[in-house]
């Protein structure tokens, strides 16, 4: 039962961490990419949402480890 509850928290947490890093990385890449002729303006709202997703995911991972263990 502990493993099921850990997965209920852990899977969405992992998705949030990966999605947040991907969103921030893609936004920065679109701004700084040497392959683009004219750089796109930085979309700070996308960076903020990505960082928020990452932080929430990281906190959920920590909560899962504290509540159900690292195994």
Protein backbone atom coordinates (compact mmCIF):
# COMPACT_ATOMS: atom_id res chain seq x y z
CA UNK A 1 0.00 0.00 0.00
CA UNK A 2 2.88 2.35 0.76
CA UNK A 3 4.29 1.84 -2.73
CA UNK A 4 0.96 2.63 -4.36
CA UNK A 5 0.58 5.83 -2.36
CA UNK A 6 4.19 6.75 -3.13
CA UNK A 7 3.52 6.27 -6.84
CA UNK A 8 0.38 8.42 -6.66
CA UNK A 9 2.57 11.29 -5.45
CA UNK A 10 5.81 10.39 -7.21
CA UNK A 11 4.63 10.03 -10.81
CA UNK A 12 2.98 13.47 -11.08
CA UNK A 13 5.94 14.98 -9.22
CA UNK A 14 8.34 13.55 -11.78
CA UNK A 15 6.16 14.83 -14.62
CA UNK A 16 6.14 18.31 -13.07
CA UNK A 17 9.93 18.34 -12.65
CA UNK A 18 10.55 17.17 -16.22
CA UNK A 19 7.89 19.45 -17.70
CA UNK A 20 9.17 22.47 -15.82
CA UNK A 21 12.76 21.90 -16.90
CA UNK A 22 11.63 21.29 -20.48
CA UNK A 23 9.53 24.45 -20.61
CA UNK A 24 12.32 26.63 -19.23
CA UNK A 25 14.90 24.99 -21.46
CA UNK A 26 12.82 25.37 -24.60
CA UNK A 27 12.02 29.00 -23.84
CA UNK A 28 15.68 29.85 -23.29
CA UNK A 29 16.73 27.84 -26.37
CA UNK A 30 14.24 29.74 -28.55
CA UNK A 31 15.70 33.01 -27.31
CA UNK A 32 19.39 32.13 -27.61
CA UNK A 33 19.39 29.67 -30.52
CA UNK A 34 22.12 30.40 -33.07
CA UNK A 35 19.96 28.71 -35.74
CA UNK A 36 17.33 31.46 -35.75
CA UNK A 37 17.81 34.49 -37.96
CA UNK A 38 16.16 36.84 -35.53
CA UNK A 39 15.88 35.87 -31.87
CA UNK A 40 12.49 35.61 -30.27
CA UNK A 41 11.67 37.83 -27.30
CA UNK A 42 12.00 36.15 -23.92
CA UNK A 43 8.63 35.02 -22.66
CA UNK A 44 9.02 35.51 -18.94
CA UNK A 45 5.61 34.06 -18.17
CA UNK A 46 6.70 30.73 -19.68
CA UNK A 47 9.91 30.79 -17.66
CA UNK A 48 7.93 31.56 -14.49
CA UNK A 49 5.44 28.75 -15.12
CA UNK A 50 8.29 26.32 -15.84
CA UNK A 51 10.11 27.25 -12.66
CA UNK A 52 6.89 26.99 -10.66
CA UNK A 53 6.23 23.51 -12.08
CA UNK A 54 9.79 22.47 -11.26
CA UNK A 55 9.61 23.74 -7.67
CA UNK A 56 6.22 22.12 -7.00
CA UNK A 57 7.47 18.84 -8.47
CA UNK A 58 10.66 18.94 -6.41
CA UNK A 59 8.66 19.60 -3.23
CA UNK A 60 6.34 16.70 -4.02
CA UNK A 61 9.33 14.39 -4.57
CA UNK A 62 10.73 15.43 -1.20
CA UNK A 63 7.34 14.90 0.43
CA UNK A 64 7.11 11.44 -1.09
CA UNK A 65 10.57 10.52 0.20
CA UNK A 66 9.77 11.81 3.68
CA UNK A 67 6.37 10.13 3.86
CA UNK A 68 6.99 6.79 2.16
CA UNK A 69 10.76 6.34 2.05
CA UNK A 70 13.21 6.29 -0.82
CA UNK A 71 12.53 2.76 -1.96
